């Protein structure tokens, strides 16, 4: 596998993990605010 392709895949995986972490954080904050309102 060429180095460029491997770097691109690594970058995509890192970016995907970052997006998942961000979404989890947002969902967690929303869940906390919703539970506080009740």
N, C-alpha and C. Protein backbone atom coordinates (compact mmCIF):
# COMPACT_ATOMS: atom_id res chain seq x y z
N UNK A 1 0.85 -1.20 0.00
CA UNK A 1 0.00 0.00 0.00
C UNK A 1 0.89 1.25 0.00
N UNK A 2 0.62 2.17 -0.91
CA UNK A 2 1.43 3.41 -0.96
C UNK A 2 1.30 4.19 0.34
N UNK A 3 2.34 4.96 0.65
CA UNK A 3 2.36 5.74 1.90
C UNK A 3 1.24 6.77 1.89
N UNK A 4 0.98 7.40 0.73
CA UNK A 4 -0.05 8.45 0.65
C UNK A 4 -1.42 7.90 1.04
N UNK A 5 -1.73 6.70 0.52
CA UNK A 5 -3.04 6.09 0.81
C UNK A 5 -3.14 5.76 2.30
N UNK A 6 -2.05 5.23 2.87
CA UNK A 6 -2.04 4.87 4.29
C UNK A 6 -2.22 6.12 5.15
N UNK A 7 -1.53 7.20 4.79
CA UNK A 7 -1.66 8.46 5.53
C UNK A 7 -3.09 8.98 5.44
N UNK A 8 -3.68 8.91 4.25
CA UNK A 8 -5.05 9.39 4.05
C UNK A 8 -6.03 8.58 4.89
N UNK A 9 -5.83 7.26 4.91
CA UNK A 9 -6.72 6.39 5.71
C UNK A 9 -6.58 6.69 7.20
N UNK A 10 -5.33 6.87 7.65
CA UNK A 10 -5.10 7.20 9.06
C UNK A 10 -5.77 8.51 9.42
N UNK A 11 -5.65 9.49 8.51
CA UNK A 11 -6.25 10.80 8.74
C UNK A 11 -7.77 10.68 8.81
N UNK A 12 -8.35 9.89 7.91
CA UNK A 12 -9.80 9.69 7.89
C UNK A 12 -10.28 9.02 9.18
N UNK A 13 -9.54 8.00 9.64
CA UNK A 13 -9.91 7.30 10.87
C UNK A 13 -9.82 8.26 12.06
N UNK A 14 -8.74 9.04 12.14
CA UNK A 14 -8.58 10.01 13.22
C UNK A 14 -9.71 11.02 13.20
N UNK A 15 -10.06 11.50 12.00
CA UNK A 15 -11.13 12.47 11.84
C UNK A 15 -12.46 11.87 12.26
N UNK A 16 -12.69 10.62 11.88
CA UNK A 16 -13.92 9.93 12.24
C UNK A 16 -14.05 9.77 13.75
N UNK A 17 -12.95 9.40 14.40
CA UNK A 17 -12.97 9.26 15.86
C UNK A 17 -13.24 10.60 16.52
N UNK A 18 -12.67 11.67 15.95
CA UNK A 18 -12.88 13.03 16.47
C UNK A 18 -14.35 13.42 16.37
N UNK A 19 -14.96 13.13 15.21
CA UNK A 19 -16.38 13.44 14.99
C UNK A 19 -17.25 12.65 15.97
N UNK A 20 -16.94 11.36 16.15
CA UNK A 20 -17.73 10.52 17.06
C UNK A 20 -17.62 11.05 18.49
N UNK A 21 -16.41 11.42 18.89
CA UNK A 21 -16.21 11.98 20.23
C UNK A 21 -16.98 13.27 20.43
N UNK A 22 -16.96 14.12 19.40
CA UNK A 22 -17.66 15.40 19.45
C UNK A 22 -19.16 15.17 19.57
N UNK A 23 -19.70 14.26 18.75
CA UNK A 23 -21.14 13.95 18.80
C UNK A 23 -21.53 13.38 20.16
N UNK A 24 -20.70 12.49 20.70
CA UNK A 24 -20.98 11.91 22.01
C UNK A 24 -21.02 13.00 23.07
N UNK A 25 -20.08 13.95 22.98
CA UNK A 25 -20.03 15.06 23.93
C UNK A 25 -21.29 15.91 23.84
N UNK A 26 -21.70 16.25 22.61
CA UNK A 26 -22.90 17.07 22.39
C UNK A 26 -24.14 16.35 22.93
N UNK A 27 -24.27 15.07 22.60
CA UNK A 27 -25.43 14.28 23.06
C UNK A 27 -25.44 14.22 24.59
N UNK A 28 -24.27 14.05 25.19
CA UNK A 28 -24.18 14.00 26.65
C UNK A 28 -24.61 15.31 27.29
N UNK A 29 -24.16 16.44 26.70
CA UNK A 29 -24.54 17.77 27.22
C UNK A 29 -26.05 17.97 27.08
N UNK A 30 -26.61 17.60 25.94
CA UNK A 30 -28.06 17.74 25.71
C UNK A 30 -28.82 16.88 26.72
N UNK A 31 -28.37 15.67 26.94
CA UNK A 31 -29.03 14.76 27.89
C UNK A 31 -29.00 15.36 29.30
N UNK A 32 -27.86 15.96 29.67
CA UNK A 32 -27.74 16.57 31.00
C UNK A 32 -28.69 17.75 31.15
N UNK A 33 -28.75 18.61 30.14
CA UNK A 33 -29.63 19.78 30.20
C UNK A 33 -31.09 19.36 30.23
N UNK A 34 -31.43 18.31 29.47
CA UNK A 34 -32.82 17.82 29.45
C UNK A 34 -33.21 17.26 30.81
N UNK A 35 -32.31 16.52 31.44
CA UNK A 35 -32.63 15.91 32.74
C UNK A 35 -32.73 16.99 33.83
N UNK A 36 -31.98 18.08 33.69
CA UNK A 36 -32.04 19.16 34.67
C UNK A 36 -33.36 19.93 34.58
N UNK A 37 -33.93 20.02 33.37
CA UNK A 37 -35.18 20.75 33.18
C UNK A 37 -36.37 20.05 33.84
N UNK A 38 -36.32 18.71 33.92
CA UNK A 38 -37.46 17.96 34.46
C UNK A 38 -37.62 18.16 35.97
